[in-house]
Amino acid sequence: MNPNESTYNSYNPDKGRHSFETASLVMGILSLLLLCTGVLSIPTGALGILFATLSKKGKNPLNASALLGLIFSIIGIAAGTAVSIYAVYMVMTDPSVIEEVRQMYARYGLEMPDYPIFYQQ
């Protein structure tokens, strides 16, 4: 066996970098797709940012897929936060939304809890 063909001599420090770049892109796309849920786009976007930073080794610039994943993740976190805040605002201020929630509870035979935010003015 030739010692130059051994698998132990084939050290590549950038070997795991490609996986993190792909994971960053996938998480960024998922954070954009999960915007309709609001809340789920925030952790997927955070994971996308984490994977993008893990893919960067030393002073090397981010690869195109990692950079795109980072951009998608930031957009997903910002928009997911805005959607979540807007949903909470609508539930707490709009009486028609509270009435719809009451009807959903009644449809399933449940009684809505009596929290002060659900009192109608």
Protein backbone atom coordinates (compact mmCIF):
# COMPACT_ATOMS: atom_id res chain seq x y z
CA MET A 1 0.00 0.00 0.00
CA ASN A 2 1.29 3.41 -0.94
CA PRO A 3 1.48 5.74 2.11
CA ASN A 4 0.47 8.76 -0.02
CA GLU A 5 -2.90 7.15 -0.84
CA SER A 6 -3.88 6.64 2.78
CA THR A 7 -7.08 8.25 3.99
CA TYR A 8 -5.22 9.53 7.04
CA ASN A 9 -3.08 11.82 4.89
CA SER A 10 -6.00 13.53 3.18
CA TYR A 11 -6.80 16.22 5.73
CA ASN A 12 -9.03 18.93 4.32
CA PRO A 13 -9.92 21.76 6.75
CA ASP A 14 -12.75 22.99 4.49
CA LYS A 15 -14.48 19.61 4.36
CA GLY A 16 -17.33 20.45 6.78
CA ARG A 17 -17.78 23.98 5.48
CA HIS A 18 -19.92 22.93 2.53
CA SER A 19 -22.44 21.24 4.84
CA PHE A 20 -22.91 24.40 6.88
CA GLU A 21 -23.34 26.49 3.72
CA THR A 22 -26.08 24.17 2.48
CA ALA A 23 -27.74 24.06 5.90
CA SER A 24 -27.72 27.86 6.05
CA LEU A 25 -29.40 28.11 2.66
CA VAL A 26 -32.01 25.48 3.57
CA MET A 27 -32.82 27.16 6.89
CA GLY A 28 -33.06 30.57 5.20
CA ILE A 29 -35.52 29.23 2.63
CA LEU A 30 -37.51 27.48 5.37
CA SER A 31 -37.71 30.68 7.40
CA LEU A 32 -39.24 32.43 4.39
CA LEU A 33 -41.65 29.56 3.74
CA LEU A 34 -42.76 29.48 7.38
CA LEU A 35 -43.70 33.16 7.46
CA CYS A 36 -47.37 32.23 7.42
CA THR A 37 -46.90 30.74 10.90
CA GLY A 38 -44.99 33.76 12.15
CA VAL A 39 -43.36 32.13 15.13
CA LEU A 40 -41.69 29.19 13.36
CA SER A 41 -39.76 31.40 10.98
CA ILE A 42 -37.82 32.95 13.87
CA PRO A 43 -35.95 29.82 15.10
CA THR A 44 -35.31 28.57 11.56
CA GLY A 45 -33.90 31.97 10.65
CA ALA A 46 -31.71 31.93 13.76
CA LEU A 47 -30.39 28.51 12.77
CA GLY A 48 -29.70 29.84 9.28
CA ILE A 49 -27.62 32.68 10.71
CA LEU A 50 -25.78 30.24 12.99
CA PHE A 51 -24.95 27.88 10.12
CA ALA A 52 -23.80 30.79 7.95
CA THR A 53 -21.39 31.96 10.63
CA LEU A 54 -20.16 28.40 11.23
CA SER A 55 -19.44 28.01 7.52
CA LYS A 56 -17.06 30.96 7.62
CA LYS A 57 -13.55 29.82 8.45
CA GLY A 58 -11.02 32.44 9.45
CA LYS A 59 -10.95 35.57 7.36
CA ASN A 60 -12.43 33.93 4.27
CA PRO A 61 -15.56 35.63 2.89
CA LEU A 62 -18.87 33.80 2.91
CA ASN A 63 -19.64 31.58 -0.05
CA ALA A 64 -22.57 32.59 -2.27
CA SER A 65 -24.95 29.97 -0.86
CA ALA A 66 -24.05 30.84 2.74
CA LEU A 67 -24.50 34.54 2.01
CA LEU A 68 -27.87 33.90 0.39
CA GLY A 69 -28.89 31.75 3.37
CA LEU A 70 -27.82 34.55 5.72
CA ILE A 71 -29.88 37.13 3.80
CA PHE A 72 -32.95 34.86 3.68
CA SER A 73 -32.60 34.12 7.39
CA ILE A 74 -32.41 37.79 8.35
CA ILE A 75 -35.47 38.57 6.23
CA GLY A 76 -37.29 35.57 7.73
CA ILE A 77 -36.54 36.66 11.30
CA ALA A 78 -37.54 40.27 10.69
CA ALA A 79 -40.75 39.42 8.84
CA GLY A 80 -41.63 36.61 11.27
CA THR A 81 -41.26 38.98 14.21
CA ALA A 82 -43.41 41.58 12.46
CA VAL A 83 -46.13 39.01 11.63
CA SER A 84 -46.14 37.73 15.23
CA ILE A 85 -46.36 41.21 16.73
CA TYR A 86 -49.16 42.14 14.34
CA ALA A 87 -51.09 38.96 15.19
CA VAL A 88 -50.82 39.60 18.93
CA TYR A 89 -51.86 43.22 18.40
CA MET A 90 -54.92 42.18 16.38
CA VAL A 91 -56.02 39.59 18.93
CA MET A 92 -55.67 42.02 21.82
CA THR A 93 -57.40 45.02 20.24
CA ASP A 94 -59.97 43.83 17.70
CA PRO A 95 -63.23 42.60 19.31
CA SER A 96 -64.24 40.72 16.17
CA VAL A 97 -61.11 38.57 16.38
CA ILE A 98 -61.87 37.78 20.01
CA GLU A 99 -65.41 36.81 19.03
CA GLU A 100 -64.06 34.50 16.30
CA VAL A 101 -61.80 32.84 18.86
CA ARG A 102 -64.82 32.38 21.15
CA GLN A 103 -66.71 30.74 18.29
CA MET A 104 -63.81 28.39 17.62
CA TYR A 105 -63.76 27.38 21.27
CA ALA A 106 -67.54 26.83 21.19
CA ARG A 107 -67.29 24.81 17.97
CA TYR A 108 -65.05 22.29 19.73
CA GLY A 109 -67.12 22.26 22.90
CA LEU A 110 -64.61 24.19 24.97
CA GLU A 111 -65.04 27.23 27.13
CA MET A 112 -62.75 30.16 26.51
CA PRO A 113 -60.65 31.18 29.54
CA ASP A 114 -61.59 34.44 31.22
CA TYR A 115 -58.44 36.46 30.90
CA PRO A 116 -58.70 40.25 31.14
CA ILE A 117 -57.42 40.69 27.59
CA PHE A 118 -60.47 38.84 26.26
CA TYR A 119 -63.03 41.13 27.87
CA GLN A 120 -64.99 43.05 25.31
CA GLN A 121 -65.34 46.78 25.80
